[in-house]
Amino acid sequence: MRTRILVLLSALFAAALALLGGVATAQTTTTPTTGVVANAPPVVTSHTDVSVGAYILRLSNVSPQNGTFDVDMWLWFRWKGADVRPDQTFEIVNGGNVQRTEPALVDDNGVNYSQVRVQATIFHDFDVRRFPLDNHLITIELEDANLNGAQLTYSVDEGMALDPSVRVSGWKVALQPTQIVDHVYATDYGLHSAGPDASKYSRLTLGISLERTSYGPLFKSFWISALAVLLGLLAFLIKSDDLDARFGMGVGSIFAASANAFVITGALPPTTAVTLAEQINLIAVGVIFIAVFLSIFSLRLRYKGREEASLTLDWVAMWVLGAIYLLANILALMFDFSGGNG
């Protein structure tokens, strides 16, 4: 009996020693808590200069109404150092639906060289105040998504170009000088250790100009409106007491010009400005309305038996209103009366 008790006590003592040993081991191997995730990389403190180049293969779906255009291009990056990959961390600031190929990284005589093909939809605020004779400077803006201006700075590499096959219907396309600026955001994005540099990023802005090459868009937009004015003025050749023919042409011309206004509005984005297109159409509607008003006055002269005065009014009104229409359109084409912003 006493032997059994001794064996039991020995087992309990051994178990107690094992338990105490495990607790001690756990206490010696537990890493003190610091609040930082294990293996979290430190903030990059080095600085890297990155040369960036671009070759534009295609511009398509240029839409002032939607405020977008599509681009297909090659980007390349040149830099020294092994601690950054700007070819992987760049972003198109004003782009969406971005698709990119895997970077092809090579050693170019001691310099990291990488090229990426990018396809994206670019958002741009088109100034349509002079539509349909509007010129534009569209831009593609690049920044590094991870590294601020103190850590990475862009510069322009040689070889920036547009492919000769790039075409945009209605515009002449040309590459403009690329700009590098420090873009400052109104936040440090919570990266407090970086100080003021956390809100400043190096931005590369690639500019492409679009210039109208002819007055074709103007003619296509307003030949109906001009025809409506012509018919409204030709109505003065009909005696004012021939009501159906005289006033039918005038009223029909107003409806034609008004319908053209709806077509023009549908081709424009929302804007507070009175665009050139709307100005030209308003001139047409105004001239036709005055012609109808003068026809009523001419009819009253006939009712009073003053037929000669009625004919004189019709003749003078036709030529004077025609001259006013042409002069007003010339002034609208020469000067910007749009107001507001595009």
C-alpha atoms as a PDB file:
ATOM      1  CA  MET A   1       0.000   0.000   0.000  1.00  0.00           C
ATOM      2  CA  ARG A   2       2.753   2.376   0.968  1.00  0.00           C
ATOM      3  CA  THR A   3       4.561   1.499  -2.255  1.00  0.00           C
ATOM      4  CA  ARG A   4       1.552   2.497  -4.313  1.00  0.00           C
ATOM      5  CA  ILE A   5       1.305   5.810  -2.504  1.00  0.00           C
ATOM      6  CA  LEU A   6       4.979   6.530  -3.203  1.00  0.00           C
ATOM      7  CA  VAL A   7       4.567   5.704  -6.896  1.00  0.00           C
ATOM      8  CA  LEU A   8       1.535   8.025  -7.104  1.00  0.00           C
ATOM      9  CA  LEU A   9       3.376  10.857  -5.365  1.00  0.00           C
ATOM     10  CA  SER A  10       6.359  10.410  -7.686  1.00  0.00           C
ATOM     11  CA  ALA A  11       4.077  10.623 -10.753  1.00  0.00           C
ATOM     12  CA  LEU A  12       2.406  13.785  -9.457  1.00  0.00           C
ATOM     13  CA  PHE A  13       5.790  15.370  -8.738  1.00  0.00           C
ATOM     14  CA  ALA A  14       7.052  14.548 -12.241  1.00  0.00           C
ATOM     15  CA  ALA A  15       3.900  16.017 -13.801  1.00  0.00           C
ATOM     16  CA  ALA A  16       4.310  19.192 -11.747  1.00  0.00           C
ATOM     17  CA  LEU A  17       7.921  19.545 -12.863  1.00  0.00           C
ATOM     18  CA  ALA A  18       6.920  19.087 -16.526  1.00  0.00           C
ATOM     19  CA  LEU A  19       4.173  21.710 -16.234  1.00  0.00           C
ATOM     20  CA  LEU A  20       6.494  24.222 -14.590  1.00  0.00           C
ATOM     21  CA  GLY A  21       9.131  23.573 -17.242  1.00  0.00           C
ATOM     22  CA  GLY A  22       6.632  24.209 -20.074  1.00  0.00           C
ATOM     23  CA  VAL A  23       5.523  27.492 -18.532  1.00  0.00           C
ATOM     24  CA  ALA A  24       9.130  28.599 -18.141  1.00  0.00           C
ATOM     25  CA  THR A  25       9.905  27.676 -21.750  1.00  0.00           C
ATOM     26  CA  ALA A  26       6.866  29.589 -22.982  1.00  0.00           C
ATOM     27  CA  GLN A  27       7.923  32.614 -20.969  1.00  0.00           C
ATOM     28  CA  THR A  28      11.439  32.576 -22.361  1.00  0.00           C
ATOM     29  CA  THR A  29      10.371  32.113 -26.015  1.00  0.00           C
ATOM     30  CA  THR A  30       7.465  34.593 -26.120  1.00  0.00           C
ATOM     31  CA  THR A  31       8.393  37.762 -28.052  1.00  0.00           C
ATOM     32  CA  PRO A  32       7.424  40.947 -26.262  1.00  0.00           C
ATOM     33  CA  THR A  33       4.485  42.682 -28.002  1.00  0.00           C
ATOM     34  CA  THR A  34       5.531  45.816 -29.967  1.00  0.00           C
ATOM     35  CA  GLY A  35       2.327  46.584 -31.949  1.00  0.00           C
ATOM     36  CA  VAL A  36       4.055  46.053 -35.327  1.00  0.00           C
ATOM     37  CA  VAL A  37       3.238  43.148 -37.631  1.00  0.00           C
ATOM     38  CA  ALA A  38       6.137  40.731 -37.979  1.00  0.00           C
ATOM     39  CA  ASN A  39       8.292  41.332 -41.069  1.00  0.00           C
ATOM     40  CA  ALA A  40       6.529  44.630 -41.910  1.00  0.00           C
ATOM     41  CA  PRO A  41       8.919  46.539 -44.223  1.00  0.00           C
ATOM     42  CA  PRO A  42      10.126  49.917 -42.995  1.00  0.00           C
ATOM     43  CA  VAL A  43       9.286  53.156 -44.802  1.00  0.00           C
ATOM     44  CA  VAL A  44      11.574  53.673 -47.811  1.00  0.00           C
ATOM     45  CA  THR A  45      14.028  56.459 -47.017  1.00  0.00           C
ATOM     46  CA  SER A  46      16.183  56.301 -50.153  1.00  0.00           C
ATOM     47  CA  HIS A  47      15.493  58.387 -53.260  1.00  0.00           C
ATOM     48  CA  THR A  48      15.247  57.053 -56.823  1.00  0.00           C
ATOM     49  CA  ASP A  49      15.238  58.961 -60.107  1.00  0.00           C
ATOM     50  CA  VAL A  50      13.111  57.222 -62.733  1.00  0.00           C
ATOM     51  CA  SER A  51      13.162  58.126 -66.423  1.00  0.00           C
ATOM     52  CA  VAL A  52       9.829  57.466 -68.121  1.00  0.00           C
ATOM     53  CA  GLY A  53       9.034  57.232 -71.821  1.00  0.00           C
ATOM     54  CA  ALA A  54       5.857  56.577 -73.807  1.00  0.00           C
ATOM     55  CA  TYR A  55       4.922  55.538 -77.315  1.00  0.00           C
ATOM     56  CA  ILE A  56       1.250  56.101 -78.200  1.00  0.00           C
ATOM     57  CA  LEU A  57      -0.079  53.355 -80.444  1.00  0.00           C
ATOM     58  CA  ARG A  58      -3.743  54.348 -80.624  1.00  0.00           C
ATOM     59  CA  LEU A  59      -6.262  56.979 -79.511  1.00  0.00           C
ATOM     60  CA  SER A  60      -9.900  56.017 -79.896  1.00  0.00           C
ATOM     61  CA  ASN A  61     -13.413  56.764 -78.684  1.00  0.00           C
ATOM     62  CA  VAL A  62     -12.639  60.441 -78.105  1.00  0.00           C
ATOM     63  CA  SER A  63     -15.935  61.656 -76.638  1.00  0.00           C
ATOM     64  CA  PRO A  64     -16.359  65.227 -75.357  1.00  0.00           C
ATOM     65  CA  GLN A  65     -19.926  64.276 -74.424  1.00  0.00           C
ATOM     66  CA  ASN A  66     -18.772  61.492 -72.060  1.00  0.00           C
ATOM     67  CA  GLY A  67     -15.527  63.225 -71.080  1.00  0.00           C
ATOM     68  CA  THR A  68     -13.390  60.188 -71.956  1.00  0.00           C
ATOM     69  CA  PHE A  69     -10.993  58.767 -74.510  1.00  0.00           C
ATOM     70  CA  ASP A  70      -9.217  55.417 -74.846  1.00  0.00           C
ATOM     71  CA  VAL A  71      -5.463  55.022 -75.187  1.00  0.00           C
ATOM     72  CA  ASP A  72      -3.226  52.111 -76.122  1.00  0.00           C
ATOM     73  CA  MET A  73       0.469  52.748 -75.454  1.00  0.00           C
ATOM     74  CA  TRP A  74       3.839  51.408 -74.397  1.00  0.00           C
ATOM     75  CA  LEU A  75       5.470  52.813 -71.252  1.00  0.00           C
ATOM     76  CA  TRP A  76       9.093  52.222 -70.289  1.00  0.00           C
ATOM     77  CA  PHE A  77      11.017  52.953 -67.106  1.00  0.00           C
ATOM     78  CA  ARG A  78      14.744  53.336 -66.456  1.00  0.00           C
ATOM     79  CA  TRP A  79      16.233  53.519 -62.941  1.00  0.00           C
ATOM     80  CA  LYS A  80      19.060  52.346 -60.712  1.00  0.00           C
ATOM     81  CA  GLY A  81      18.627  50.423 -57.491  1.00  0.00           C
ATOM     82  CA  ALA A  82      17.113  47.149 -56.351  1.00  0.00           C
ATOM     83  CA  ASP A  83      14.714  48.356 -53.661  1.00  0.00           C
ATOM     84  CA  VAL A  84      11.945  49.814 -55.902  1.00  0.00           C
ATOM     85  CA  ARG A  85       9.922  48.625 -58.899  1.00  0.00           C
ATOM     86  CA  PRO A  86       8.345  51.727 -60.498  1.00  0.00           C
ATOM     87  CA  ASP A  87       7.229  49.603 -63.449  1.00  0.00           C
ATOM     88  CA  GLN A  88       4.908  47.747 -61.074  1.00  0.00           C
ATOM     89  CA  THR A  89       3.769  50.553 -58.769  1.00  0.00           C
ATOM     90  CA  PHE A  90       2.890  53.298 -61.266  1.00  0.00           C
ATOM     91  CA  GLU A  91      -0.745  54.323 -61.757  1.00  0.00           C
ATOM     92  CA  ILE A  92      -2.649  56.430 -64.280  1.00  0.00           C
ATOM     93  CA  VAL A  93      -4.180  59.088 -62.053  1.00  0.00           C
ATOM     94  CA  ASN A  94      -6.917  60.151 -64.473  1.00  0.00           C
ATOM     95  CA  GLY A  95      -7.529  56.686 -65.895  1.00  0.00           C
ATOM     96  CA  GLY A  96      -9.901  53.802 -65.389  1.00  0.00           C
ATOM     97  CA  ASN A  97     -10.338  50.269 -66.731  1.00  0.00           C
ATOM     98  CA  VAL A  98      -6.547  50.030 -66.860  1.00  0.00           C
ATOM     99  CA  GLN A  99      -5.107  46.859 -68.366  1.00  0.00           C
ATOM    100  CA  ARG A 100      -1.368  46.266 -68.369  1.00  0.00           C
ATOM    101  CA  THR A 101       0.991  43.506 -69.406  1.00  0.00           C
ATOM    102  CA  GLU A 102       3.539  41.985 -67.058  1.00  0.00           C
ATOM    103  CA  PRO A 103       6.675  44.168 -66.953  1.00  0.00           C
ATOM    104  CA  ALA A 104       9.647  42.908 -68.947  1.00  0.00           C
ATOM    105  CA  LEU A 105      12.664  43.779 -66.765  1.00  0.00           C
ATOM    106  CA  VAL A 106      16.193  43.659 -68.188  1.00  0.00           C
ATOM    107  CA  ASP A 107      19.649  44.952 -67.275  1.00  0.00           C
ATOM    108  CA  ASP A 108      20.522  47.686 -69.772  1.00  0.00           C
ATOM    109  CA  ASN A 109      24.222  48.324 -69.168  1.00  0.00           C
ATOM    110  CA  GLY A 110      23.845  48.582 -65.412  1.00  0.00           C
ATOM    111  CA  VAL A 111      20.455  50.322 -65.520  1.00  0.00           C
ATOM    112  CA  ASN A 112      17.122  48.672 -64.808  1.00  0.00           C
ATOM    113  CA  TYR A 113      14.941  48.837 -67.920  1.00  0.00           C
ATOM    114  CA  SER A 114      11.314  47.713 -68.023  1.00  0.00           C
ATOM    115  CA  GLN A 115       8.504  48.161 -70.516  1.00  0.00           C
ATOM    116  CA  VAL A 116       4.767  47.733 -70.059  1.00  0.00           C
ATOM    117  CA  ARG A 117       1.916  47.911 -72.552  1.00  0.00           C
ATOM    118  CA  VAL A 118      -1.042  49.811 -71.130  1.00  0.00           C
ATOM    119  CA  GLN A 119      -4.626  50.132 -72.338  1.00  0.00           C
ATOM    120  CA  ALA A 120      -6.927  52.444 -70.419  1.00  0.00           C
ATOM    121  CA  THR A 121      -9.904  54.754 -70.515  1.00  0.00           C
ATOM    122  CA  ILE A 122      -8.802  58.289 -69.660  1.00  0.00           C
ATOM    123  CA  PHE A 123     -11.138  60.830 -68.086  1.00  0.00           C
ATOM    124  CA  HIS A 124     -10.796  64.412 -69.347  1.00  0.00           C
ATOM    125  CA  ASP A 125     -12.840  67.561 -68.823  1.00  0.00           C
ATOM    126  CA  PHE A 126     -13.331  68.745 -72.410  1.00  0.00           C
ATOM    127  CA  ASP A 127     -13.814  72.484 -72.951  1.00  0.00           C
ATOM    128  CA  VAL A 128     -16.685  72.590 -75.471  1.00  0.00           C
ATOM    129  CA  ARG A 129     -17.325  76.327 -75.496  1.00  0.00           C
ATOM    130  CA  ARG A 130     -16.182  76.535 -79.132  1.00  0.00           C
ATOM    131  CA  PHE A 131     -17.886  73.329 -80.290  1.00  0.00           C
ATOM    132  CA  PRO A 132     -17.916  72.308 -83.166  1.00  0.00           C
ATOM    133  CA  LEU A 133     -14.675  74.217 -83.820  1.00  0.00           C
ATOM    134  CA  ASP A 134     -13.194  73.170 -80.487  1.00  0.00           C
ATOM    135  CA  ASN A 135      -9.516  72.392 -79.937  1.00  0.00           C
ATOM    136  CA  HIS A 136      -8.341  70.382 -76.947  1.00  0.00           C
ATOM    137  CA  LEU A 137      -5.237  69.448 -74.993  1.00  0.00           C
ATOM    138  CA  ILE A 138      -5.889  66.011 -73.556  1.00  0.00           C
ATOM    139  CA  THR A 139      -3.565  64.595 -70.909  1.00  0.00           C
ATOM    140  CA  ILE A 140      -2.407  61.262 -69.480  1.00  0.00           C
ATOM    141  CA  GLU A 141      -1.144  61.630 -65.903  1.00  0.00           C
ATOM    142  CA  LEU A 142       1.196  59.146 -64.182  1.00  0.00           C
ATOM    143  CA  GLU A 143       2.212  58.867 -60.529  1.00  0.00           C
ATOM    144  CA  ASP A 144       3.742  56.180 -58.361  1.00  0.00           C
ATOM    145  CA  ALA A 145       1.045  54.663 -56.177  1.00  0.00           C
ATOM    146  CA  ASN A 146       3.403  53.834 -53.262  1.00  0.00           C
ATOM    147  CA  LEU A 147       6.346  56.229 -53.259  1.00  0.00           C
ATOM    148  CA  ASN A 148       6.052  59.955 -52.625  1.00  0.00           C
ATOM    149  CA  GLY A 149       8.153  62.732 -54.088  1.00  0.00           C
ATOM    150  CA  ALA A 150      10.899  62.361 -51.495  1.00  0.00           C
ATOM    151  CA  GLN A 151      11.283  58.688 -52.396  1.00  0.00           C
ATOM    152  CA  LEU A 152      10.828  58.748 -56.185  1.00  0.00           C
ATOM    153  CA  THR A 153      11.024  61.457 -58.854  1.00  0.00           C
ATOM    154  CA  TYR A 154      10.059  61.100 -62.502  1.00  0.00           C
ATOM    155  CA  SER A 155      11.975  62.560 -65.432  1.00  0.00           C
ATOM    156  CA  VAL A 156      11.270  62.466 -69.166  1.00  0.00           C
ATOM    157  CA  ASP A 157      13.215  59.911 -71.188  1.00  0.00           C
ATOM    158  CA  GLU A 158      14.128  60.299 -74.839  1.00  0.00           C
ATOM    159  CA  GLY A 159      11.978  58.686 -77.502  1.00  0.00           C
ATOM    160  CA  MET A 160       8.505  60.014 -76.579  1.00  0.00           C
ATOM    161  CA  ALA A 161       6.394  59.756 -79.746  1.00  0.00           C
ATOM    162  CA  LEU A 162       3.047  59.153 -81.419  1.00  0.00           C
ATOM    163  CA  ASP A 163       2.753  56.310 -83.867  1.00  0.00           C
ATOM    164  CA  PRO A 164       2.239  57.705 -87.415  1.00  0.00           C
ATOM    165  CA  SER A 165      -0.965  55.683 -87.671  1.00  0.00           C
ATOM    166  CA  VAL A 166      -2.665  57.566 -84.805  1.00  0.00           C
ATOM    167  CA  ARG A 167      -5.785  59.273 -86.164  1.00  0.00           C
ATOM    168  CA  VAL A 168      -8.724  61.009 -84.506  1.00  0.00           C
ATOM    169  CA  SER A 169     -11.580  61.868 -86.856  1.00  0.00           C
ATOM    170  CA  GLY A 170     -12.040  65.627 -87.221  1.00  0.00           C
ATOM    171  CA  TRP A 171      -8.835  66.593 -85.410  1.00  0.00           C
ATOM    172  CA  LYS A 172      -5.133  66.878 -86.132  1.00  0.00           C
ATOM    173  CA  VAL A 173      -3.214  64.983 -83.440  1.00  0.00           C
ATOM    174  CA  ALA A 174       0.167  66.128 -82.102  1.00  0.00           C
ATOM    175  CA  LEU A 175       2.300  65.229 -79.088  1.00  0.00           C
ATOM    176  CA  GLN A 176       3.040  68.155 -76.768  1.00  0.00           C
ATOM    177  CA  PRO A 177       6.003  68.619 -74.373  1.00  0.00           C
ATOM    178  CA  THR A 178       5.746  66.319 -71.362  1.00  0.00           C
ATOM    179  CA  GLN A 179       5.624  68.030 -67.968  1.00  0.00           C
ATOM    180  CA  ILE A 180       6.896  66.877 -64.568  1.00  0.00           C
ATOM    181  CA  VAL A 181       5.361  68.546 -61.509  1.00  0.00           C
ATOM    182  CA  ASP A 182       5.116  67.882 -57.780  1.00  0.00           C
ATOM    183  CA  HIS A 183       1.442  67.265 -57.115  1.00  0.00           C
ATOM    184  CA  VAL A 184       0.471  68.035 -53.530  1.00  0.00           C
ATOM    185  CA  TYR A 185      -2.540  66.318 -51.969  1.00  0.00           C
ATOM    186  CA  ALA A 186      -4.498  67.715 -49.021  1.00  0.00           C
ATOM    187  CA  THR A 187      -3.649  64.720 -46.822  1.00  0.00           C
ATOM    188  CA  ASP A 188      -0.672  62.641 -45.695  1.00  0.00           C
ATOM    189  CA  TYR A 189      -2.745  59.449 -46.116  1.00  0.00           C
ATOM    190  CA  GLY A 190      -1.987  58.603 -42.484  1.00  0.00           C
ATOM    191  CA  LEU A 191       1.750  58.062 -43.079  1.00  0.00           C
ATOM    192  CA  HIS A 192       2.764  60.387 -40.240  1.00  0.00           C
ATOM    193  CA  SER A 193       6.438  59.402 -40.108  1.00  0.00           C
ATOM    194  CA  ALA A 194       7.000  60.791 -43.628  1.00  0.00           C
ATOM    195  CA  GLY A 195       6.049  64.323 -42.590  1.00  0.00           C
ATOM    196  CA  PRO A 196       5.035  66.839 -45.322  1.00  0.00           C
ATOM    197  CA  ASP A 197       6.572  64.644 -48.028  1.00  0.00           C
ATOM    198  CA  ALA A 198       3.764  62.119 -47.610  1.00  0.00           C
ATOM    199  CA  SER A 199       1.360  64.433 -49.445  1.00  0.00           C
ATOM    200  CA  LYS A 200       3.671  65.305 -52.361  1.00  0.00           C
ATOM    201  CA  TYR A 201       4.032  63.012 -55.383  1.00  0.00           C
ATOM    202  CA  SER A 202       5.991  63.343 -58.600  1.00  0.00           C
ATOM    203  CA  ARG A 203       3.516  63.489 -61.511  1.00  0.00           C
ATOM    204  CA  LEU A 204       4.289  63.042 -65.201  1.00  0.00           C
ATOM    205  CA  THR A 205       1.755  64.666 -67.540  1.00  0.00           C
ATOM    206  CA  LEU A 206       1.772  63.533 -71.149  1.00  0.00           C
ATOM    207  CA  GLY A 207      -0.083  66.076 -73.329  1.00  0.00           C
ATOM    208  CA  ILE A 208      -1.683  65.463 -76.728  1.00  0.00           C
ATOM    209  CA  SER A 209      -3.244  68.297 -78.739  1.00  0.00           C
ATOM    210  CA  LEU A 210      -6.370  67.914 -80.860  1.00  0.00           C
ATOM    211  CA  GLU A 211      -6.907  70.703 -83.402  1.00  0.00           C
ATOM    212  CA  ARG A 212      -9.818  71.006 -85.801  1.00  0.00           C
ATOM    213  CA  THR A 213      -8.638  70.751 -89.387  1.00  0.00           C
ATOM    214  CA  SER A 214     -11.666  72.170 -91.268  1.00  0.00           C
ATOM    215  CA  TYR A 215     -15.077  73.779 -91.011  1.00  0.00           C
ATOM    216  CA  GLY A 216     -16.717  70.498 -91.998  1.00  0.00           C
ATOM    217  CA  PRO A 217     -18.210  69.837 -88.523  1.00  0.00           C
ATOM    218  CA  LEU A 218     -19.679  73.354 -88.548  1.00  0.00           C
ATOM    219  CA  PHE A 219     -21.332  72.808 -91.928  1.00  0.00           C
ATOM    220  CA  LYS A 220     -22.706  69.383 -90.974  1.00  0.00           C
ATOM    221  CA  SER A 221     -24.162  70.770 -87.760  1.00  0.00           C
ATOM    222  CA  PHE A 222     -25.827  73.872 -89.196  1.00  0.00           C
ATOM    223  CA  TRP A 223     -26.793  73.387 -92.817  1.00  0.00           C
ATOM    224  CA  ILE A 224     -30.346  72.598 -91.691  1.00  0.00           C
ATOM    225  CA  SER A 225     -30.393  75.711 -89.507  1.00  0.00           C
ATOM    226  CA  ALA A 226     -29.051  77.890 -92.337  1.00  0.00           C
ATOM    227  CA  LEU A 227     -31.617  76.417 -94.734  1.00  0.00           C
ATOM    228  CA  ALA A 228     -34.391  77.224 -92.242  1.00  0.00           C
ATOM    229  CA  VAL A 229     -33.236  80.861 -92.118  1.00  0.00           C
ATOM    230  CA  LEU A 230     -33.125  81.028 -95.923  1.00  0.00           C
ATOM    231  CA  LEU A 231     -36.688  79.718 -96.193  1.00  0.00           C
ATOM    232  CA  GLY A 232     -37.815  82.139 -93.499  1.00  0.00           C
ATOM    233  CA  LEU A 233     -36.354  85.062 -95.455  1.00  0.00           C
ATOM    234  CA  LEU A 234     -37.701  83.858 -98.809  1.00  0.00           C
ATOM    235  CA  ALA A 235     -41.163  84.034 -97.273  1.00  0.00           C
ATOM    236  CA  PHE A 236     -40.912  87.829 -97.692  1.00  0.00           C
ATOM    237  CA  LEU A 237     -41.268  87.281-101.470  1.00  0.00           C
ATOM    238  CA  ILE A 238     -44.816  86.040-100.864  1.00  0.00           C
ATOM    239  CA  LYS A 239     -47.539  88.607-100.333  1.00  0.00           C
ATOM    240  CA  SER A 240     -48.264  88.998 -96.654  1.00  0.00           C
ATOM    241  CA  ASP A 241     -52.003  88.395 -97.126  1.00  0.00           C
ATOM    242  CA  ASP A 242     -51.299  84.924 -98.522  1.00  0.00           C
ATOM    243  CA  LEU A 243     -51.410  83.621 -94.977  1.00  0.00           C
ATOM    244  CA  ASP A 244     -50.876  79.886 -95.484  1.00  0.00           C
ATOM    245  CA  ALA A 245     -47.758  80.196 -97.618  1.00  0.00           C
ATOM    246  CA  ARG A 246     -46.268  83.263 -95.910  1.00  0.00           C
ATOM    247  CA  PHE A 247     -46.637  82.190 -92.298  1.00  0.00           C
ATOM    248  CA  GLY A 248     -46.347  78.467 -92.971  1.00  0.00           C
ATOM    249  CA  MET A 249     -42.772  78.931 -94.189  1.00  0.00           C
ATOM    250  CA  GLY A 250     -41.850  81.104 -91.189  1.00  0.00           C
ATOM    251  CA  VAL A 251     -43.330  78.838 -88.536  1.00  0.00           C
ATOM    252  CA  GLY A 252     -41.916  75.728 -90.205  1.00  0.00           C
ATOM    253  CA  SER A 253     -38.459  77.336 -90.230  1.00  0.00           C
ATOM    254  CA  ILE A 254     -38.645  77.972 -86.475  1.00  0.00           C
ATOM    255  CA  PHE A 255     -39.522  74.329 -85.828  1.00  0.00           C
ATOM    256  CA  ALA A 256     -36.625  73.179 -88.027  1.00  0.00           C
ATOM    257  CA  ALA A 257     -34.117  75.399 -86.172  1.00  0.00           C
ATOM    258  CA  SER A 258     -35.513  74.299 -82.804  1.00  0.00           C
ATOM    259  CA  ALA A 259     -35.186  70.635 -83.723  1.00  0.00           C
ATOM    260  CA  ASN A 260     -31.580  71.272 -84.706  1.00  0.00           C
ATOM    261  CA  ALA A 261     -31.001  72.740 -81.237  1.00  0.00           C
ATOM    262  CA  PHE A 262     -32.065  69.448 -79.628  1.00  0.00           C
ATOM    263  CA  VAL A 263     -29.636  67.540 -81.853  1.00  0.00           C
ATOM    264  CA  ILE A 264     -26.775  69.855 -80.847  1.00  0.00           C
ATOM    265  CA  THR A 265     -27.599  69.619 -77.136  1.00  0.00           C
ATOM    266  CA  GLY A 266     -27.518  65.819 -77.365  1.00  0.00           C
ATOM    267  CA  ALA A 267     -23.926  65.961 -78.652  1.00  0.00           C
ATOM    268  CA  LEU A 268     -22.654  68.116 -75.767  1.00  0.00           C
ATOM    269  CA  PRO A 269     -21.792  67.329 -72.153  1.00  0.00           C
ATOM    270  CA  PRO A 270     -23.549  69.267 -69.361  1.00  0.00           C
ATOM    271  CA  THR A 271     -22.108  72.785 -69.304  1.00  0.00           C
ATOM    272  CA  THR A 272     -23.000  76.211 -67.957  1.00  0.00           C
ATOM    273  CA  ALA A 273     -21.552  77.914 -71.048  1.00  0.00           C
ATOM    274  CA  VAL A 274     -23.509  78.913 -74.152  1.00  0.00           C
ATOM    275  CA  THR A 275     -21.411  77.090 -76.713  1.00  0.00           C
ATOM    276  CA  LEU A 276     -20.623  78.348 -80.201  1.00  0.00           C
ATOM    277  CA  ALA A 277     -23.046  75.791 -81.614  1.00  0.00           C
ATOM    278  CA  GLU A 278     -25.851  77.058 -79.401  1.00  0.00           C
ATOM    279  CA  GLN A 279     -25.025  80.663 -80.235  1.00  0.00           C
ATOM    280  CA  ILE A 280     -25.284  80.002 -83.974  1.00  0.00           C
ATOM    281  CA  ASN A 281     -28.574  78.195 -83.521  1.00  0.00           C
ATOM    282  CA  LEU A 282     -29.971  80.969 -81.316  1.00  0.00           C
ATOM    283  CA  ILE A 283     -29.063  83.502 -84.007  1.00  0.00           C
ATOM    284  CA  ALA A 284     -31.019  81.456 -86.538  1.00  0.00           C
ATOM    285  CA  VAL A 285     -34.081  81.149 -84.310  1.00  0.00           C
ATOM    286  CA  GLY A 286     -33.924  84.864 -83.465  1.00  0.00           C
ATOM    287  CA  VAL A 287     -33.739  85.939 -87.119  1.00  0.00           C
ATOM    288  CA  ILE A 288     -36.640  83.676 -88.083  1.00  0.00           C
ATOM    289  CA  PHE A 289     -38.744  84.956 -85.160  1.00  0.00           C
ATOM    290  CA  ILE A 290     -38.125  88.583 -86.186  1.00  0.00           C
ATOM    291  CA  ALA A 291     -39.053  87.664 -89.768  1.00  0.00           C
ATOM    292  CA  VAL A 292     -42.398  86.258 -88.582  1.00  0.00           C
ATOM    293  CA  PHE A 293     -43.010  89.379 -86.480  1.00  0.00           C
ATOM    294  CA  LEU A 294     -42.282  91.646 -89.473  1.00  0.00           C
ATOM    295  CA  SER A 295     -44.618  89.539 -91.608  1.00  0.00           C
ATOM    296  CA  ILE A 296     -47.409  90.275 -89.143  1.00  0.00           C
ATOM    297  CA  PHE A 297     -46.618  93.997 -89.339  1.00  0.00           C
ATOM    298  CA  SER A 298     -46.543  93.810 -93.147  1.00  0.00           C
ATOM    299  CA  LEU A 299     -49.946  92.113 -93.105  1.00  0.00           C
ATOM    300  CA  ARG A 300     -51.369  94.941 -90.978  1.00  0.00           C
ATOM    301  CA  LEU A 301     -50.112  97.465 -93.542  1.00  0.00           C
ATOM    302  CA  ARG A 302     -52.015  95.591 -96.259  1.00  0.00           C
ATOM    303  CA  TYR A 303     -55.158  95.571 -94.147  1.00  0.00           C
ATOM    304  CA  LYS A 304     -54.825  99.355 -93.944  1.00  0.00           C
ATOM    305  CA  GLY A 305     -54.539  99.555 -97.749  1.00  0.00           C
ATOM    306  CA  ARG A 306     -50.859 100.464 -97.715  1.00  0.00           C
ATOM    307  CA  GLU A 307     -49.752  97.807-100.178  1.00  0.00           C
ATOM    308  CA  GLU A 308     -46.695  99.715-101.402  1.00  0.00           C
ATOM    309  CA  ALA A 309     -45.383 100.160 -97.851  1.00  0.00           C
ATOM    310  CA  SER A 310     -45.958  96.451 -97.215  1.00  0.00           C
ATOM    311  CA  LEU A 311     -43.922  95.462-100.274  1.00  0.00           C
ATOM    312  CA  THR A 312     -41.120  97.868 -99.331  1.00  0.00           C
ATOM    313  CA  LEU A 313     -41.009  96.471 -95.798  1.00  0.00           C
ATOM    314  CA  ASP A 314     -40.821  92.924 -97.114  1.00  0.00           C
ATOM    315  CA  TRP A 315     -37.977  93.761 -99.479  1.00  0.00           C
ATOM    316  CA  VAL A 316     -35.934  95.702 -96.916  1.00  0.00           C
ATOM    317  CA  ALA A 317     -36.567  93.142 -94.148  1.00  0.00           C
ATOM    318  CA  MET A 318     -35.376  90.243 -96.315  1.00  0.00           C
ATOM    319  CA  TRP A 319     -32.021  91.834 -97.116  1.00  0.00           C
ATOM    320  CA  VAL A 320     -31.413  93.491 -93.746  1.00  0.00           C
ATOM    321  CA  LEU A 321     -32.207  90.344 -91.771  1.00  0.00           C
ATOM    322  CA  GLY A 322     -30.023  88.317 -94.121  1.00  0.00           C
ATOM    323  CA  ALA A 323     -27.118  90.702 -93.530  1.00  0.00           C
ATOM    324  CA  ILE A 324     -27.701  90.642 -89.761  1.00  0.00           C
ATOM    325  CA  TYR A 325     -27.694  86.836 -89.795  1.00  0.00           C
ATOM    326  CA  LEU A 326     -24.379  86.683 -91.641  1.00  0.00           C
ATOM    327  CA  LEU A 327     -22.755  89.408 -89.521  1.00  0.00           C
ATOM    328  CA  ALA A 328     -23.888  87.839 -86.236  1.00  0.00           C
ATOM    329  CA  ASN A 329     -22.463  84.481 -87.272  1.00  0.00           C
ATOM    330  CA  ILE A 330     -19.136  86.043 -88.269  1.00  0.00           C
ATOM    331  CA  LEU A 331     -18.893  87.775 -84.881  1.00  0.00           C
ATOM    332  CA  ALA A 332     -19.747  84.513 -83.073  1.00  0.00           C
ATOM    333  CA  LEU A 333     -16.978  82.722 -84.973  1.00  0.00           C
ATOM    334  CA  MET A 334     -14.422  85.456 -84.308  1.00  0.00           C
ATOM    335  CA  PHE A 335     -15.111  86.143 -80.627  1.00  0.00           C
ATOM    336  CA  ASP A 336     -15.938  84.008 -77.605  1.00  0.00           C
ATOM    337  CA  PHE A 337     -19.299  85.065 -76.151  1.00  0.00           C
ATOM    338  CA  SER A 338     -19.891  81.773 -74.355  1.00  0.00           C
ATOM    339  CA  GLY A 339     -19.458  82.840 -70.724  1.00  0.00           C
ATOM    340  CA  GLY A 340     -19.396  80.250 -67.944  1.00  0.00           C
ATOM    341  CA  ASN A 341     -16.974  77.355 -68.220  1.00  0.00           C
ATOM    342  CA  GLY A 342     -16.789  74.575 -70.739  1.00  0.00           C
END
